[in-house]
């Protein structure tokens, strides 16, 4: 699993990719009512061994496409195990978020 503040319309069945290659899929998305964040349950091919410092980010397939979870493996020798939680996540950033951030930074 991985926990995000914002998943931007990520859906069950969306790809999980490393370096653009599909290595799994999204099994479920659940709203945590205690802190209103999204838990995303991932299924990853058993042949893929991920370091514990792997980063999960939500990305766009394209301008008109859906979303996917991009995994960026870390360098740790310690590996994630079955039912582990990916601690390092990057929330979905919409085009509006990016434009607002650019405008805010430009005015300061």
C-alpha atoms as a PDB file:
ATOM      1  CA  UNK A   1       0.000   0.000   0.000  1.00  0.00           C
ATOM      2  CA  UNK A   2       0.895   3.660  -0.320  1.00  0.00           C
ATOM      3  CA  UNK A   3      -0.794   6.659   1.265  1.00  0.00           C
ATOM      4  CA  UNK A   4      -1.431   9.934  -0.603  1.00  0.00           C
ATOM      5  CA  UNK A   5      -3.042  13.293   0.169  1.00  0.00           C
ATOM      6  CA  UNK A   6      -4.352  13.539  -3.401  1.00  0.00           C
ATOM      7  CA  UNK A   7      -4.716  10.803  -6.050  1.00  0.00           C
ATOM      8  CA  UNK A   8      -6.228  12.891  -8.872  1.00  0.00           C
ATOM      9  CA  UNK A   9      -8.707  10.322 -10.185  1.00  0.00           C
ATOM     10  CA  UNK A  10      -6.435   7.271 -10.032  1.00  0.00           C
ATOM     11  CA  UNK A  11      -8.678   4.243 -10.596  1.00  0.00           C
ATOM     12  CA  UNK A  12      -8.740   0.579  -9.706  1.00  0.00           C
ATOM     13  CA  UNK A  13      -7.006  -1.262 -12.548  1.00  0.00           C
ATOM     14  CA  UNK A  14      -4.580   1.589 -13.289  1.00  0.00           C
ATOM     15  CA  UNK A  15      -1.014   0.555 -14.069  1.00  0.00           C
ATOM     16  CA  UNK A  16       1.896   0.470 -11.654  1.00  0.00           C
ATOM     17  CA  UNK A  17       5.086   1.170 -13.637  1.00  0.00           C
ATOM     18  CA  UNK A  18       8.836   1.299 -13.188  1.00  0.00           C
ATOM     19  CA  UNK A  19      10.736   3.167 -15.915  1.00  0.00           C
ATOM     20  CA  UNK A  20       7.545   3.149 -17.986  1.00  0.00           C
ATOM     21  CA  UNK A  21       7.189  -0.647 -17.841  1.00  0.00           C
ATOM     22  CA  UNK A  22       4.055  -2.119 -16.292  1.00  0.00           C
ATOM     23  CA  UNK A  23       4.926  -4.180 -13.201  1.00  0.00           C
ATOM     24  CA  UNK A  24       1.517  -4.287 -11.535  1.00  0.00           C
ATOM     25  CA  UNK A  25      -1.832  -2.616 -11.052  1.00  0.00           C
ATOM     26  CA  UNK A  26      -3.960  -0.724  -8.554  1.00  0.00           C
ATOM     27  CA  UNK A  27      -6.195  -3.126  -6.641  1.00  0.00           C
ATOM     28  CA  UNK A  28      -8.113  -0.631  -4.500  1.00  0.00           C
ATOM     29  CA  UNK A  29      -8.342   2.979  -3.392  1.00  0.00           C
ATOM     30  CA  UNK A  30      -9.725   3.689   0.061  1.00  0.00           C
ATOM     31  CA  UNK A  31     -10.453   6.924   1.895  1.00  0.00           C
ATOM     32  CA  UNK A  32      -9.050   6.931   5.430  1.00  0.00           C
ATOM     33  CA  UNK A  33     -11.705   8.728   7.465  1.00  0.00           C
ATOM     34  CA  UNK A  34      -9.386   9.541  10.367  1.00  0.00           C
ATOM     35  CA  UNK A  35      -7.172  11.890   8.316  1.00  0.00           C
ATOM     36  CA  UNK A  36      -8.966  12.016   4.922  1.00  0.00           C
ATOM     37  CA  UNK A  37      -6.051  10.668   2.941  1.00  0.00           C
ATOM     38  CA  UNK A  38      -6.163   7.968   0.278  1.00  0.00           C
ATOM     39  CA  UNK A  39      -4.705   4.512   0.783  1.00  0.00           C
ATOM     40  CA  UNK A  40      -3.835   2.876  -2.532  1.00  0.00           C
ATOM     41  CA  UNK A  41      -3.467  -0.908  -2.591  1.00  0.00           C
ATOM     42  CA  UNK A  42      -1.000  -2.094  -5.225  1.00  0.00           C
ATOM     43  CA  UNK A  43      -0.393  -5.490  -6.756  1.00  0.00           C
ATOM     44  CA  UNK A  44       3.208  -5.811  -7.946  1.00  0.00           C
ATOM     45  CA  UNK A  45       4.701  -8.734  -9.875  1.00  0.00           C
ATOM     46  CA  UNK A  46       6.483 -11.154  -7.510  1.00  0.00           C
ATOM     47  CA  UNK A  47       9.644 -11.000  -9.618  1.00  0.00           C
ATOM     48  CA  UNK A  48      10.052  -7.281  -8.796  1.00  0.00           C
ATOM     49  CA  UNK A  49      12.001  -6.740  -5.566  1.00  0.00           C
ATOM     50  CA  UNK A  50      11.708  -3.169  -4.315  1.00  0.00           C
ATOM     51  CA  UNK A  51      14.013  -1.424  -1.838  1.00  0.00           C
ATOM     52  CA  UNK A  52      12.348  -0.024   1.291  1.00  0.00           C
ATOM     53  CA  UNK A  53      13.192   3.543   0.175  1.00  0.00           C
ATOM     54  CA  UNK A  54      11.204   3.248  -3.062  1.00  0.00           C
ATOM     55  CA  UNK A  55       9.135   6.321  -3.962  1.00  0.00           C
ATOM     56  CA  UNK A  56       5.576   6.036  -5.327  1.00  0.00           C
ATOM     57  CA  UNK A  57       4.205   8.942  -7.361  1.00  0.00           C
ATOM     58  CA  UNK A  58       0.942   9.417  -9.214  1.00  0.00           C
ATOM     59  CA  UNK A  59       1.502  10.448 -12.830  1.00  0.00           C
ATOM     60  CA  UNK A  60      -0.533  11.212 -15.933  1.00  0.00           C
ATOM     61  CA  UNK A  61      -0.590   8.773 -18.839  1.00  0.00           C
ATOM     62  CA  UNK A  62      -0.982  11.743 -21.175  1.00  0.00           C
ATOM     63  CA  UNK A  63      -2.930  14.947 -21.673  1.00  0.00           C
ATOM     64  CA  UNK A  64      -6.207  13.086 -22.207  1.00  0.00           C
ATOM     65  CA  UNK A  65      -5.368   9.793 -20.541  1.00  0.00           C
ATOM     66  CA  UNK A  66      -5.706   8.363 -17.084  1.00  0.00           C
ATOM     67  CA  UNK A  67      -3.323   8.083 -14.178  1.00  0.00           C
ATOM     68  CA  UNK A  68      -0.793   5.479 -13.082  1.00  0.00           C
ATOM     69  CA  UNK A  69       1.493   4.874 -10.122  1.00  0.00           C
ATOM     70  CA  UNK A  70       5.152   5.407 -10.983  1.00  0.00           C
ATOM     71  CA  UNK A  71       7.595   3.575  -8.720  1.00  0.00           C
ATOM     72  CA  UNK A  72      11.137   4.879  -8.382  1.00  0.00           C
ATOM     73  CA  UNK A  73      13.219   2.229  -6.615  1.00  0.00           C
ATOM     74  CA  UNK A  74      15.662   3.476  -4.001  1.00  0.00           C
ATOM     75  CA  UNK A  75      19.139   2.223  -3.099  1.00  0.00           C
ATOM     76  CA  UNK A  76      18.487   0.460   0.223  1.00  0.00           C
ATOM     77  CA  UNK A  77      19.571  -3.156   0.603  1.00  0.00           C
ATOM     78  CA  UNK A  78      16.459  -3.725   2.754  1.00  0.00           C
ATOM     79  CA  UNK A  79      13.516  -4.820   0.598  1.00  0.00           C
ATOM     80  CA  UNK A  80       9.787  -4.273   0.910  1.00  0.00           C
ATOM     81  CA  UNK A  81       7.913  -7.455   1.784  1.00  0.00           C
ATOM     82  CA  UNK A  82       4.397  -8.687   1.027  1.00  0.00           C
ATOM     83  CA  UNK A  83       1.832  -6.286   2.597  1.00  0.00           C
ATOM     84  CA  UNK A  84       4.485  -3.586   3.162  1.00  0.00           C
ATOM     85  CA  UNK A  85       3.658   0.104   3.044  1.00  0.00           C
ATOM     86  CA  UNK A  86       5.609   2.399   0.736  1.00  0.00           C
ATOM     87  CA  UNK A  87       6.495   5.295   3.025  1.00  0.00           C
ATOM     88  CA  UNK A  88       7.810   7.745   0.418  1.00  0.00           C
ATOM     89  CA  UNK A  89       5.036   9.130  -1.772  1.00  0.00           C
ATOM     90  CA  UNK A  90       4.507  12.103  -4.060  1.00  0.00           C
ATOM     91  CA  UNK A  91       0.943  13.321  -4.385  1.00  0.00           C
ATOM     92  CA  UNK A  92      -0.774  13.923  -7.686  1.00  0.00           C
ATOM     93  CA  UNK A  93      -0.139  17.433  -8.989  1.00  0.00           C
ATOM     94  CA  UNK A  94      -2.743  18.712 -11.431  1.00  0.00           C
ATOM     95  CA  UNK A  95      -2.066  21.225 -14.169  1.00  0.00           C
ATOM     96  CA  UNK A  96      -3.935  23.798 -12.062  1.00  0.00           C
ATOM     97  CA  UNK A  97      -1.651  23.049  -9.099  1.00  0.00           C
ATOM     98  CA  UNK A  98       1.426  23.516 -11.276  1.00  0.00           C
ATOM     99  CA  UNK A  99       0.174  26.803 -12.766  1.00  0.00           C
ATOM    100  CA  UNK A 100      -0.770  28.150  -9.323  1.00  0.00           C
ATOM    101  CA  UNK A 101       2.631  27.172  -7.955  1.00  0.00           C
ATOM    102  CA  UNK A 102       4.373  28.879 -10.884  1.00  0.00           C
ATOM    103  CA  UNK A 103       2.315  32.066 -10.460  1.00  0.00           C
ATOM    104  CA  UNK A 104       2.904  32.124  -6.710  1.00  0.00           C
ATOM    105  CA  UNK A 105       6.664  31.637  -7.098  1.00  0.00           C
ATOM    106  CA  UNK A 106       6.807  34.250  -9.874  1.00  0.00           C
ATOM    107  CA  UNK A 107       5.176  36.923  -7.700  1.00  0.00           C
ATOM    108  CA  UNK A 108       7.535  36.409  -4.746  1.00  0.00           C
END
